[in-house]
N, C-alpha and C. Protein backbone atom coordinates (compact mmCIF):
# COMPACT_ATOMS: atom_id res chain seq x y z
N MET A 1 -64.87 11.41 -133.01
CA MET A 1 -64.65 12.82 -133.27
C MET A 1 -64.12 13.00 -134.69
N ARG A 2 -64.63 14.03 -135.38
CA ARG A 2 -64.15 14.37 -136.72
C ARG A 2 -63.09 15.47 -136.59
N ILE A 3 -61.86 15.11 -136.93
CA ILE A 3 -60.73 16.03 -136.79
C ILE A 3 -60.26 16.44 -138.17
N ALA A 4 -60.29 17.75 -138.44
CA ALA A 4 -59.78 18.27 -139.70
C ALA A 4 -58.33 18.71 -139.52
N VAL A 5 -57.47 18.25 -140.39
CA VAL A 5 -56.07 18.66 -140.40
C VAL A 5 -55.90 19.66 -141.53
N ILE A 6 -55.42 20.86 -141.20
CA ILE A 6 -55.34 21.93 -142.19
C ILE A 6 -53.94 22.54 -142.17
N ASN A 7 -53.10 22.09 -143.10
CA ASN A 7 -51.75 22.65 -143.20
C ASN A 7 -51.73 23.80 -144.20
N GLU A 8 -50.98 24.86 -143.85
CA GLU A 8 -50.80 25.95 -144.81
C GLU A 8 -49.47 25.76 -145.54
N THR A 9 -49.20 26.67 -146.46
CA THR A 9 -48.13 26.43 -147.43
C THR A 9 -46.75 26.23 -146.81
N SER A 10 -46.37 27.02 -145.79
CA SER A 10 -45.02 26.91 -145.25
C SER A 10 -44.82 25.65 -144.43
N ALA A 11 -45.92 25.06 -143.97
CA ALA A 11 -45.84 23.87 -143.13
C ALA A 11 -46.46 22.65 -143.79
N ALA A 12 -46.64 22.70 -145.10
CA ALA A 12 -47.31 21.61 -145.80
C ALA A 12 -46.57 20.28 -145.66
N ASP A 13 -45.25 20.35 -145.61
CA ASP A 13 -44.47 19.11 -145.53
C ASP A 13 -44.63 18.40 -144.19
N ARG A 14 -45.25 19.05 -143.22
CA ARG A 14 -45.48 18.40 -141.92
C ARG A 14 -46.80 17.64 -141.90
N ASN A 15 -47.56 17.71 -142.98
CA ASN A 15 -48.87 17.07 -143.03
C ASN A 15 -48.80 15.58 -142.70
N ALA A 16 -47.85 14.89 -143.30
CA ALA A 16 -47.74 13.44 -143.07
C ALA A 16 -47.42 13.13 -141.61
N ASP A 17 -46.61 13.97 -140.96
CA ASP A 17 -46.29 13.77 -139.55
C ASP A 17 -47.53 13.89 -138.68
N ILE A 18 -48.37 14.89 -138.98
CA ILE A 18 -49.60 15.09 -138.19
C ILE A 18 -50.54 13.90 -138.38
N LEU A 19 -50.72 13.47 -139.62
CA LEU A 19 -51.60 12.33 -139.89
C LEU A 19 -51.11 11.08 -139.16
N ALA A 20 -49.79 10.86 -139.18
CA ALA A 20 -49.23 9.69 -138.51
C ALA A 20 -49.45 9.77 -137.01
N ALA A 21 -49.32 10.97 -136.44
CA ALA A 21 -49.49 11.13 -135.00
C ALA A 21 -50.95 10.95 -134.57
N LEU A 22 -51.88 11.19 -135.48
CA LEU A 22 -53.31 11.02 -135.17
C LEU A 22 -53.82 9.62 -135.47
N ASP A 23 -53.04 8.86 -136.21
CA ASP A 23 -53.48 7.54 -136.66
C ASP A 23 -53.69 6.58 -135.48
N GLY A 24 -54.71 5.75 -135.61
CA GLY A 24 -54.96 4.71 -134.63
C GLY A 24 -55.65 5.15 -133.36
N ARG A 25 -56.22 6.34 -133.34
CA ARG A 25 -56.87 6.85 -132.13
C ARG A 25 -58.39 6.73 -132.18
N GLY A 26 -58.91 6.20 -133.27
CA GLY A 26 -60.35 6.00 -133.38
C GLY A 26 -61.13 7.19 -133.86
N HIS A 27 -60.43 8.23 -134.33
CA HIS A 27 -61.11 9.43 -134.82
C HIS A 27 -61.22 9.38 -136.35
N THR A 28 -62.16 10.12 -136.88
CA THR A 28 -62.25 10.33 -138.32
C THR A 28 -61.39 11.54 -138.66
N VAL A 29 -60.35 11.34 -139.43
CA VAL A 29 -59.42 12.41 -139.76
C VAL A 29 -59.70 12.90 -141.18
N ILE A 30 -59.93 14.20 -141.30
CA ILE A 30 -60.22 14.84 -142.59
C ILE A 30 -59.00 15.66 -142.97
N ASN A 31 -58.33 15.26 -144.04
CA ASN A 31 -57.12 15.97 -144.47
C ASN A 31 -57.54 17.08 -145.44
N ALA A 32 -57.72 18.29 -144.91
CA ALA A 32 -58.38 19.36 -145.67
C ALA A 32 -57.44 20.43 -146.20
N GLY A 33 -56.16 20.39 -145.83
CA GLY A 33 -55.24 21.45 -146.24
C GLY A 33 -54.17 20.97 -147.20
N MET A 34 -53.05 21.66 -147.19
CA MET A 34 -51.98 21.35 -148.12
C MET A 34 -51.17 20.15 -147.64
N VAL A 35 -50.74 19.34 -148.60
CA VAL A 35 -50.01 18.13 -148.26
C VAL A 35 -48.56 18.16 -148.76
N LYS A 36 -48.20 19.20 -149.52
CA LYS A 36 -46.84 19.28 -150.04
C LYS A 36 -46.46 20.74 -150.20
N ASN A 37 -45.30 21.09 -149.68
CA ASN A 37 -44.80 22.46 -149.79
C ASN A 37 -44.55 22.81 -151.25
N GLY A 38 -44.98 24.02 -151.62
CA GLY A 38 -44.76 24.49 -152.98
C GLY A 38 -45.82 24.05 -153.97
N ALA A 39 -46.77 23.22 -153.54
CA ALA A 39 -47.82 22.78 -154.45
C ALA A 39 -48.77 23.93 -154.74
N ARG A 40 -49.43 23.84 -155.87
CA ARG A 40 -50.43 24.84 -156.25
C ARG A 40 -51.79 24.15 -156.34
N PRO A 41 -52.85 24.81 -155.91
CA PRO A 41 -52.89 26.16 -155.32
C PRO A 41 -52.34 26.17 -153.90
N GLU A 42 -52.06 27.37 -153.40
CA GLU A 42 -51.50 27.52 -152.06
C GLU A 42 -52.54 28.09 -151.10
N LEU A 43 -52.43 27.67 -149.86
CA LEU A 43 -53.21 28.27 -148.77
C LEU A 43 -52.23 28.87 -147.77
N THR A 44 -52.37 30.15 -147.47
CA THR A 44 -51.59 30.77 -146.41
C THR A 44 -52.35 30.60 -145.10
N TYR A 45 -51.77 31.07 -144.00
CA TYR A 45 -52.47 30.96 -142.72
C TYR A 45 -53.75 31.79 -142.69
N ILE A 46 -53.81 32.84 -143.52
CA ILE A 46 -55.05 33.61 -143.64
C ILE A 46 -56.18 32.70 -144.13
N HIS A 47 -55.87 31.88 -145.13
CA HIS A 47 -56.86 30.99 -145.71
C HIS A 47 -57.18 29.81 -144.80
N THR A 48 -56.15 29.24 -144.15
CA THR A 48 -56.42 28.07 -143.31
C THR A 48 -57.20 28.46 -142.06
N GLY A 49 -56.99 29.67 -141.55
CA GLY A 49 -57.80 30.14 -140.43
C GLY A 49 -59.26 30.22 -140.80
N LEU A 50 -59.55 30.73 -142.00
CA LEU A 50 -60.93 30.80 -142.49
C LEU A 50 -61.49 29.40 -142.71
N LEU A 51 -60.70 28.51 -143.29
CA LEU A 51 -61.18 27.16 -143.54
C LEU A 51 -61.53 26.45 -142.23
N ALA A 52 -60.70 26.65 -141.22
CA ALA A 52 -61.01 26.07 -139.90
C ALA A 52 -62.36 26.56 -139.40
N ALA A 53 -62.61 27.86 -139.52
CA ALA A 53 -63.87 28.44 -139.06
C ALA A 53 -65.05 27.92 -139.85
N LEU A 54 -64.88 27.79 -141.17
CA LEU A 54 -65.97 27.27 -141.99
C LEU A 54 -66.34 25.85 -141.60
N LEU A 55 -65.33 25.00 -141.42
CA LEU A 55 -65.60 23.60 -141.09
C LEU A 55 -66.24 23.46 -139.72
N LEU A 56 -65.79 24.25 -138.75
CA LEU A 56 -66.37 24.19 -137.41
C LEU A 56 -67.79 24.75 -137.39
N ASN A 57 -67.99 25.90 -138.02
CA ASN A 57 -69.31 26.54 -138.00
C ASN A 57 -70.33 25.79 -138.86
N ALA A 58 -69.85 25.10 -139.89
CA ALA A 58 -70.75 24.32 -140.73
C ALA A 58 -71.03 22.94 -140.13
N GLY A 59 -70.36 22.61 -139.04
CA GLY A 59 -70.56 21.31 -138.42
C GLY A 59 -69.91 20.16 -139.16
N ARG A 60 -68.94 20.47 -140.00
CA ARG A 60 -68.26 19.42 -140.76
C ARG A 60 -67.06 18.85 -140.02
N ALA A 61 -66.62 19.54 -138.99
CA ALA A 61 -65.52 19.05 -138.14
C ALA A 61 -65.85 19.40 -136.69
N ASP A 62 -65.43 18.53 -135.79
CA ASP A 62 -65.59 18.79 -134.36
C ASP A 62 -64.35 19.44 -133.77
N PHE A 63 -63.23 19.23 -134.43
CA PHE A 63 -61.94 19.74 -133.94
C PHE A 63 -61.04 19.98 -135.14
N VAL A 64 -60.22 21.01 -135.07
CA VAL A 64 -59.29 21.33 -136.16
C VAL A 64 -57.87 21.33 -135.61
N VAL A 65 -56.98 20.68 -136.33
CA VAL A 65 -55.55 20.75 -136.05
C VAL A 65 -54.90 21.53 -137.18
N GLY A 66 -54.39 22.71 -136.84
CA GLY A 66 -53.74 23.55 -137.84
C GLY A 66 -52.40 24.02 -137.33
N GLY A 67 -51.96 25.12 -137.87
CA GLY A 67 -50.68 25.67 -137.46
C GLY A 67 -50.02 26.36 -138.64
N CYS A 68 -48.79 26.77 -138.43
CA CYS A 68 -48.00 27.42 -139.48
C CYS A 68 -46.55 27.35 -139.01
N GLY A 69 -45.69 28.19 -139.53
CA GLY A 69 -44.29 28.14 -139.14
C GLY A 69 -44.09 28.27 -137.64
N THR A 70 -44.72 29.27 -137.04
CA THR A 70 -44.60 29.49 -135.59
C THR A 70 -45.84 29.08 -134.83
N GLY A 71 -46.96 28.91 -135.52
CA GLY A 71 -48.25 28.65 -134.87
C GLY A 71 -49.00 29.92 -134.53
N GLN A 72 -48.32 31.05 -134.57
CA GLN A 72 -48.96 32.31 -134.18
C GLN A 72 -49.90 32.85 -135.26
N GLY A 73 -49.50 32.73 -136.51
CA GLY A 73 -50.33 33.25 -137.59
C GLY A 73 -51.66 32.54 -137.68
N PHE A 74 -51.62 31.22 -137.69
CA PHE A 74 -52.87 30.45 -137.76
C PHE A 74 -53.74 30.73 -136.54
N LEU A 75 -53.13 30.79 -135.38
CA LEU A 75 -53.87 31.09 -134.15
C LEU A 75 -54.65 32.40 -134.30
N ASN A 76 -53.96 33.44 -134.73
CA ASN A 76 -54.60 34.75 -134.85
C ASN A 76 -55.64 34.78 -135.95
N ALA A 77 -55.38 34.09 -137.06
CA ALA A 77 -56.35 34.06 -138.15
C ALA A 77 -57.62 33.32 -137.74
N ALA A 78 -57.46 32.17 -137.12
CA ALA A 78 -58.63 31.37 -136.73
C ALA A 78 -59.49 32.07 -135.69
N MET A 79 -58.85 32.81 -134.80
CA MET A 79 -59.59 33.46 -133.71
C MET A 79 -60.35 34.71 -134.14
N GLN A 80 -60.27 35.06 -135.42
CA GLN A 80 -61.07 36.19 -135.92
C GLN A 80 -62.53 35.80 -136.14
N TYR A 81 -62.83 34.51 -136.02
CA TYR A 81 -64.15 34.02 -136.41
C TYR A 81 -64.94 33.49 -135.21
N PRO A 82 -66.27 33.52 -135.32
CA PRO A 82 -67.11 33.06 -134.21
C PRO A 82 -66.99 31.55 -134.01
N GLY A 83 -67.14 31.14 -132.76
CA GLY A 83 -67.19 29.71 -132.46
C GLY A 83 -65.88 28.97 -132.57
N VAL A 84 -64.76 29.70 -132.73
CA VAL A 84 -63.45 29.06 -132.82
C VAL A 84 -62.69 29.39 -131.54
N PHE A 85 -62.26 28.34 -130.83
CA PHE A 85 -61.52 28.51 -129.58
C PHE A 85 -60.20 27.75 -129.74
N CYS A 86 -59.16 28.50 -130.06
CA CYS A 86 -57.90 27.91 -130.51
C CYS A 86 -56.81 28.08 -129.46
N GLY A 87 -55.99 27.05 -129.31
CA GLY A 87 -54.86 27.09 -128.41
C GLY A 87 -53.55 26.94 -129.15
N HIS A 88 -52.52 27.67 -128.71
CA HIS A 88 -51.18 27.55 -129.26
C HIS A 88 -50.44 26.52 -128.42
N VAL A 89 -50.21 25.35 -128.97
CA VAL A 89 -49.70 24.21 -128.20
C VAL A 89 -48.33 23.80 -128.71
N LEU A 90 -47.37 23.78 -127.80
CA LEU A 90 -46.00 23.40 -128.16
C LEU A 90 -45.56 22.10 -127.51
N SER A 91 -46.24 21.70 -126.45
CA SER A 91 -45.82 20.52 -125.69
C SER A 91 -47.03 19.71 -125.25
N SER A 92 -46.76 18.51 -124.77
CA SER A 92 -47.84 17.66 -124.28
C SER A 92 -48.52 18.26 -123.06
N LEU A 93 -47.78 18.97 -122.22
CA LEU A 93 -48.38 19.63 -121.06
C LEU A 93 -49.31 20.75 -121.51
N ASP A 94 -48.89 21.53 -122.51
CA ASP A 94 -49.78 22.54 -123.09
C ASP A 94 -51.10 21.90 -123.51
N ALA A 95 -51.00 20.79 -124.23
CA ALA A 95 -52.20 20.12 -124.75
C ALA A 95 -53.10 19.64 -123.62
N TRP A 96 -52.51 19.05 -122.60
CA TRP A 96 -53.26 18.50 -121.47
C TRP A 96 -54.02 19.60 -120.74
N LEU A 97 -53.35 20.73 -120.51
CA LEU A 97 -53.99 21.84 -119.81
C LEU A 97 -55.01 22.55 -120.69
N PHE A 98 -54.69 22.73 -121.97
CA PHE A 98 -55.63 23.38 -122.88
C PHE A 98 -56.94 22.61 -122.97
N ALA A 99 -56.85 21.29 -123.08
CA ALA A 99 -58.06 20.48 -123.19
C ALA A 99 -58.92 20.61 -121.95
N GLN A 100 -58.32 20.51 -120.79
CA GLN A 100 -59.09 20.52 -119.55
C GLN A 100 -59.61 21.91 -119.17
N ILE A 101 -58.75 22.91 -119.28
CA ILE A 101 -59.10 24.23 -118.78
C ILE A 101 -59.90 25.03 -119.80
N ASN A 102 -59.47 25.00 -121.06
CA ASN A 102 -60.08 25.84 -122.07
C ASN A 102 -61.13 25.14 -122.91
N GLY A 103 -61.07 23.81 -122.97
CA GLY A 103 -62.07 23.06 -123.73
C GLY A 103 -62.22 23.55 -125.15
N GLY A 104 -61.10 23.83 -125.82
CA GLY A 104 -61.15 24.40 -127.15
C GLY A 104 -61.48 23.40 -128.23
N ASN A 105 -61.65 23.92 -129.44
CA ASN A 105 -61.98 23.06 -130.59
C ASN A 105 -60.99 23.22 -131.73
N CYS A 106 -59.85 23.83 -131.45
CA CYS A 106 -58.88 24.11 -132.51
C CYS A 106 -57.49 24.20 -131.89
N LEU A 107 -56.51 23.63 -132.59
CA LEU A 107 -55.14 23.59 -132.09
C LEU A 107 -54.21 24.21 -133.11
N SER A 108 -53.32 25.08 -132.65
CA SER A 108 -52.32 25.66 -133.54
C SER A 108 -50.94 25.18 -133.14
N LEU A 109 -50.24 24.57 -134.08
CA LEU A 109 -48.92 23.99 -133.83
C LEU A 109 -47.83 24.81 -134.52
N ALA A 110 -46.68 24.88 -133.87
CA ALA A 110 -45.49 25.46 -134.50
C ALA A 110 -44.85 24.36 -135.34
N LEU A 111 -44.90 24.50 -136.66
CA LEU A 111 -44.50 23.41 -137.53
C LEU A 111 -43.20 23.66 -138.29
N ASN A 112 -42.56 24.80 -138.03
CA ASN A 112 -41.22 25.06 -138.56
C ASN A 112 -40.28 25.51 -137.45
N GLN A 113 -40.68 26.51 -136.69
CA GLN A 113 -39.83 26.99 -135.59
C GLN A 113 -39.65 25.88 -134.55
N GLY A 114 -38.41 25.52 -134.30
CA GLY A 114 -38.12 24.49 -133.31
C GLY A 114 -38.50 23.09 -133.74
N TYR A 115 -38.84 22.90 -135.01
CA TYR A 115 -39.28 21.59 -135.48
C TYR A 115 -38.05 20.80 -135.94
N GLY A 116 -37.45 20.09 -134.99
CA GLY A 116 -36.21 19.39 -135.29
C GLY A 116 -36.28 17.92 -134.95
N TRP A 117 -35.19 17.43 -134.43
CA TRP A 117 -35.06 16.02 -134.09
C TRP A 117 -36.16 15.59 -133.13
N ALA A 118 -36.86 14.50 -133.46
CA ALA A 118 -37.94 13.91 -132.65
C ALA A 118 -39.20 14.78 -132.61
N ALA A 119 -39.33 15.73 -133.52
CA ALA A 119 -40.54 16.56 -133.55
C ALA A 119 -41.78 15.72 -133.84
N ASP A 120 -41.63 14.68 -134.66
CA ASP A 120 -42.77 13.81 -134.94
C ASP A 120 -43.21 13.06 -133.68
N VAL A 121 -42.24 12.73 -132.83
CA VAL A 121 -42.56 12.08 -131.55
C VAL A 121 -43.29 13.06 -130.64
N ASN A 122 -42.85 14.31 -130.63
CA ASN A 122 -43.53 15.33 -129.83
C ASN A 122 -44.98 15.48 -130.26
N LEU A 123 -45.26 15.39 -131.55
CA LEU A 123 -46.64 15.47 -132.03
C LEU A 123 -47.48 14.34 -131.44
N ARG A 124 -46.95 13.14 -131.42
CA ARG A 124 -47.69 12.02 -130.84
C ARG A 124 -47.95 12.25 -129.36
N PHE A 125 -46.94 12.75 -128.65
CA PHE A 125 -47.12 13.04 -127.22
C PHE A 125 -48.19 14.10 -127.00
N ILE A 126 -48.20 15.12 -127.87
CA ILE A 126 -49.21 16.18 -127.76
C ILE A 126 -50.61 15.58 -127.89
N PHE A 127 -50.82 14.74 -128.91
CA PHE A 127 -52.14 14.15 -129.11
C PHE A 127 -52.48 13.12 -128.04
N ASP A 128 -51.46 12.42 -127.51
CA ASP A 128 -51.70 11.51 -126.39
C ASP A 128 -52.36 12.24 -125.23
N ARG A 129 -51.81 13.39 -124.89
CA ARG A 129 -52.31 14.14 -123.73
C ARG A 129 -53.58 14.92 -124.05
N LEU A 130 -53.68 15.43 -125.27
CA LEU A 130 -54.86 16.20 -125.67
C LEU A 130 -56.13 15.37 -125.54
N PHE A 131 -56.05 14.12 -125.94
CA PHE A 131 -57.23 13.26 -125.95
C PHE A 131 -57.32 12.35 -124.73
N SER A 132 -56.50 12.60 -123.72
CA SER A 132 -56.49 11.72 -122.55
C SER A 132 -57.43 12.20 -121.45
N VAL A 133 -57.98 13.40 -121.61
CA VAL A 133 -58.82 13.99 -120.55
C VAL A 133 -60.13 14.48 -121.15
N GLU A 134 -61.10 14.69 -120.29
CA GLU A 134 -62.38 15.24 -120.72
C GLU A 134 -62.22 16.71 -121.06
N SER A 135 -62.65 17.08 -122.26
CA SER A 135 -62.53 18.47 -122.68
C SER A 135 -63.37 19.38 -121.80
N GLY A 136 -62.72 20.41 -121.25
CA GLY A 136 -63.42 21.38 -120.42
C GLY A 136 -63.71 20.92 -119.02
N ALA A 137 -63.13 19.81 -118.59
CA ALA A 137 -63.42 19.29 -117.25
C ALA A 137 -62.86 20.17 -116.15
N GLY A 138 -61.79 20.90 -116.44
CA GLY A 138 -61.19 21.79 -115.45
C GLY A 138 -60.01 21.19 -114.72
N TYR A 139 -59.07 22.06 -114.34
CA TYR A 139 -57.90 21.64 -113.58
C TYR A 139 -57.33 22.87 -112.87
N PRO A 140 -56.95 22.72 -111.60
CA PRO A 140 -57.14 21.57 -110.71
C PRO A 140 -58.60 21.42 -110.28
N ALA A 141 -58.87 20.37 -109.53
CA ALA A 141 -60.25 20.00 -109.23
C ALA A 141 -61.04 21.13 -108.58
N HIS A 142 -60.42 21.88 -107.68
CA HIS A 142 -61.18 22.92 -106.96
C HIS A 142 -61.51 24.12 -107.85
N ARG A 143 -60.96 24.14 -109.09
CA ARG A 143 -61.23 25.23 -110.03
C ARG A 143 -62.20 24.82 -111.14
N GLN A 144 -62.70 23.60 -111.07
CA GLN A 144 -63.50 23.08 -112.17
C GLN A 144 -64.75 23.91 -112.46
N GLU A 145 -65.51 24.24 -111.44
CA GLU A 145 -66.76 24.96 -111.66
C GLU A 145 -66.50 26.37 -112.20
N SER A 146 -65.51 27.04 -111.64
CA SER A 146 -65.17 28.37 -112.11
C SER A 146 -64.72 28.35 -113.57
N GLN A 147 -63.94 27.35 -113.95
CA GLN A 147 -63.45 27.26 -115.32
C GLN A 147 -64.58 26.89 -116.28
N ARG A 148 -65.52 26.07 -115.82
CA ARG A 148 -66.68 25.74 -116.67
C ARG A 148 -67.49 27.01 -116.95
N GLN A 149 -67.70 27.81 -115.93
CA GLN A 149 -68.45 29.05 -116.10
C GLN A 149 -67.70 30.01 -117.03
N SER A 150 -66.39 30.08 -116.88
CA SER A 150 -65.60 30.96 -117.75
C SER A 150 -65.70 30.51 -119.21
N ARG A 151 -65.67 29.20 -119.42
CA ARG A 151 -65.76 28.67 -120.81
C ARG A 151 -67.12 29.03 -121.42
N GLU A 152 -68.18 28.92 -120.64
CA GLU A 152 -69.51 29.30 -121.13
C GLU A 152 -69.58 30.79 -121.42
N MET A 153 -68.99 31.59 -120.54
CA MET A 153 -68.97 33.04 -120.77
C MET A 153 -68.20 33.39 -122.04
N LEU A 154 -67.09 32.69 -122.26
CA LEU A 154 -66.28 32.95 -123.45
C LEU A 154 -67.07 32.66 -124.72
N ALA A 155 -67.86 31.61 -124.71
CA ALA A 155 -68.70 31.30 -125.86
C ALA A 155 -69.69 32.43 -126.12
N GLY A 156 -70.25 32.98 -125.05
CA GLY A 156 -71.16 34.11 -125.18
C GLY A 156 -70.47 35.35 -125.71
N VAL A 157 -69.27 35.61 -125.20
CA VAL A 157 -68.49 36.75 -125.68
C VAL A 157 -68.20 36.60 -127.18
N SER A 158 -67.82 35.39 -127.60
CA SER A 158 -67.53 35.14 -129.01
C SER A 158 -68.73 35.44 -129.88
N ALA A 159 -69.90 35.01 -129.43
CA ALA A 159 -71.12 35.25 -130.21
C ALA A 159 -71.43 36.74 -130.32
N LEU A 160 -71.20 37.47 -129.25
CA LEU A 160 -71.49 38.91 -129.25
C LEU A 160 -70.44 39.72 -130.01
N ALA A 161 -69.21 39.26 -129.97
CA ALA A 161 -68.10 40.04 -130.51
C ALA A 161 -67.88 39.84 -132.01
N HIS A 162 -68.54 38.85 -132.59
CA HIS A 162 -68.33 38.55 -134.00
C HIS A 162 -69.62 38.71 -134.80
N ARG A 163 -69.48 38.99 -136.06
CA ARG A 163 -70.59 38.84 -136.98
C ARG A 163 -70.87 37.35 -137.14
N THR A 164 -72.03 37.01 -137.70
CA THR A 164 -72.31 35.61 -137.97
C THR A 164 -71.41 35.12 -139.10
N MET A 165 -71.24 33.81 -139.19
CA MET A 165 -70.40 33.25 -140.25
C MET A 165 -70.99 33.57 -141.61
N ALA A 166 -72.31 33.61 -141.72
CA ALA A 166 -72.96 33.94 -142.99
C ALA A 166 -72.61 35.37 -143.42
N GLU A 167 -72.65 36.31 -142.48
CA GLU A 167 -72.31 37.70 -142.79
C GLU A 167 -70.84 37.82 -143.20
N ILE A 168 -70.00 37.07 -142.51
CA ILE A 168 -68.57 37.11 -142.83
C ILE A 168 -68.31 36.59 -144.23
N VAL A 169 -68.91 35.43 -144.57
CA VAL A 169 -68.74 34.85 -145.91
C VAL A 169 -69.23 35.83 -146.97
N ALA A 170 -70.35 36.48 -146.72
CA ALA A 170 -70.91 37.42 -147.70
C ALA A 170 -69.99 38.62 -147.92
N GLY A 171 -69.27 39.03 -146.88
CA GLY A 171 -68.48 40.25 -146.97
C GLY A 171 -67.00 40.08 -147.25
N LEU A 172 -66.48 38.86 -147.18
CA LEU A 172 -65.04 38.66 -147.38
C LEU A 172 -64.63 38.97 -148.81
N PRO A 173 -63.45 39.57 -148.99
CA PRO A 173 -62.97 39.81 -150.35
C PRO A 173 -62.63 38.50 -151.05
N ASP A 174 -62.72 38.52 -152.37
CA ASP A 174 -62.47 37.31 -153.15
C ASP A 174 -61.11 36.69 -152.86
N GLU A 175 -60.09 37.53 -152.65
CA GLU A 175 -58.74 36.98 -152.48
C GLU A 175 -58.57 36.21 -151.17
N VAL A 176 -59.49 36.41 -150.25
CA VAL A 176 -59.48 35.62 -149.01
C VAL A 176 -60.37 34.39 -149.15
N LEU A 177 -61.58 34.59 -149.64
CA LEU A 177 -62.58 33.51 -149.64
C LEU A 177 -62.39 32.50 -150.76
N LEU A 178 -62.17 32.96 -151.98
CA LEU A 178 -62.19 32.04 -153.11
C LEU A 178 -61.06 31.01 -153.10
N PRO A 179 -59.83 31.35 -152.67
CA PRO A 179 -58.82 30.29 -152.60
C PRO A 179 -59.23 29.15 -151.67
N VAL A 180 -60.02 29.46 -150.67
CA VAL A 180 -60.50 28.42 -149.75
C VAL A 180 -61.60 27.61 -150.40
N LEU A 181 -62.61 28.28 -150.93
CA LEU A 181 -63.76 27.57 -151.52
C LEU A 181 -63.36 26.76 -152.75
N GLU A 182 -62.34 27.22 -153.46
CA GLU A 182 -61.91 26.54 -154.68
C GLU A 182 -60.78 25.55 -154.45
N PHE A 183 -60.30 25.44 -153.22
CA PHE A 183 -59.21 24.50 -152.93
C PHE A 183 -59.73 23.08 -153.12
N PRO A 184 -58.94 22.20 -153.73
CA PRO A 184 -59.41 20.84 -154.02
C PRO A 184 -59.98 20.13 -152.80
N GLY A 185 -61.20 19.65 -152.93
CA GLY A 185 -61.86 18.88 -151.89
C GLY A 185 -62.73 19.67 -150.94
N VAL A 186 -62.58 20.99 -150.89
CA VAL A 186 -63.33 21.78 -149.92
C VAL A 186 -64.82 21.82 -150.24
N ALA A 187 -65.17 21.99 -151.51
CA ALA A 187 -66.59 22.05 -151.87
C ALA A 187 -67.30 20.76 -151.47
N ALA A 188 -66.67 19.63 -151.74
CA ALA A 188 -67.28 18.34 -151.37
C ALA A 188 -67.37 18.19 -149.86
N LEU A 189 -66.35 18.66 -149.17
CA LEU A 189 -66.34 18.56 -147.71
C LEU A 189 -67.43 19.42 -147.09
N LEU A 190 -67.59 20.64 -147.58
CA LEU A 190 -68.64 21.52 -147.06
C LEU A 190 -70.03 21.01 -147.42
N ASP A 191 -70.16 20.42 -148.60
CA ASP A 191 -71.45 19.87 -149.06
C ASP A 191 -72.57 20.86 -148.75
N VAL A 192 -72.45 22.03 -149.35
CA VAL A 192 -73.29 23.18 -149.00
C VAL A 192 -74.77 22.87 -149.08
N GLY A 193 -75.17 22.04 -150.04
CA GLY A 193 -76.60 21.73 -150.21
C GLY A 193 -77.25 21.08 -149.01
N THR A 194 -76.46 20.48 -148.13
CA THR A 194 -77.03 19.79 -146.96
C THR A 194 -76.83 20.55 -145.65
N LEU A 195 -76.30 21.79 -145.73
CA LEU A 195 -76.08 22.56 -144.51
C LEU A 195 -77.39 22.88 -143.82
N ARG A 196 -77.41 22.78 -142.50
CA ARG A 196 -78.61 23.10 -141.73
C ARG A 196 -78.71 24.59 -141.42
N ASP A 197 -77.57 25.27 -141.42
CA ASP A 197 -77.54 26.71 -141.18
C ASP A 197 -77.95 27.41 -142.47
N ALA A 198 -79.23 27.81 -142.54
CA ALA A 198 -79.78 28.36 -143.79
C ALA A 198 -79.07 29.63 -144.24
N PRO A 199 -78.81 30.61 -143.35
CA PRO A 199 -78.10 31.81 -143.81
C PRO A 199 -76.70 31.52 -144.32
N LEU A 200 -75.97 30.62 -143.65
CA LEU A 200 -74.62 30.27 -144.11
C LEU A 200 -74.71 29.55 -145.45
N LYS A 201 -75.67 28.67 -145.58
CA LYS A 201 -75.88 27.96 -146.84
C LYS A 201 -76.12 28.95 -147.98
N ALA A 202 -77.00 29.93 -147.76
CA ALA A 202 -77.32 30.90 -148.79
C ALA A 202 -76.11 31.73 -149.17
N ALA A 203 -75.32 32.14 -148.16
CA ALA A 203 -74.14 32.96 -148.41
C ALA A 203 -73.11 32.18 -149.22
N LEU A 204 -72.91 30.91 -148.88
CA LEU A 204 -71.94 30.10 -149.60
C LEU A 204 -72.39 29.82 -151.02
N VAL A 205 -73.68 29.54 -151.20
CA VAL A 205 -74.20 29.30 -152.55
C VAL A 205 -73.98 30.51 -153.43
N GLN A 206 -74.22 31.69 -152.88
CA GLN A 206 -74.03 32.92 -153.65
C GLN A 206 -72.58 33.12 -154.04
N ARG A 207 -71.67 32.91 -153.08
CA ARG A 207 -70.25 33.16 -153.36
C ARG A 207 -69.63 32.04 -154.23
N MET A 208 -70.13 30.85 -154.09
CA MET A 208 -69.59 29.75 -154.89
C MET A 208 -70.13 29.79 -156.31
N GLY A 209 -71.27 30.44 -156.48
CA GLY A 209 -71.87 30.52 -157.81
C GLY A 209 -71.17 31.54 -158.68
């Protein structure tokens, strides 16, 4: 699995903790956000939510680990976009249930609020449980089929309720889009020339040009 880690400015100093908690699990980890608080350029949760959506919709990541001070900002920003199914996870039980019941592709962590003693250990526990079960398998067992159907319906609702990612990229104001596209490493990660989604490719080429 390709996991993108996207820290925003207020939680940039937690980047190393997230990478350490993901290490050794056999996944390809893409460090796509901020790695140090106060560094320039900055990404706010508005920008990291968009970056998460771009990477997921472009097929450059299978899963995104993000967050912010409380986890609420990134959650709300990421959920504005199609194909993003994000959970606000504070504990290993949250992660275990989110993976099985919701089968999401994006995680929002509280990286300042309540981030104290042994918080790095809690991150490891969260990822232990998140990746210990089949995504979308359902829980408890007698609810599996109903939850699978609900997950499929939610994907349909997302497609109907949102514009396409290409339309969104074409219409976003510069102050939202350009800090993301110009952030170090993002252009190479998106590798726009090889995108299979032709409308998204065209929209990104136009805005990046």
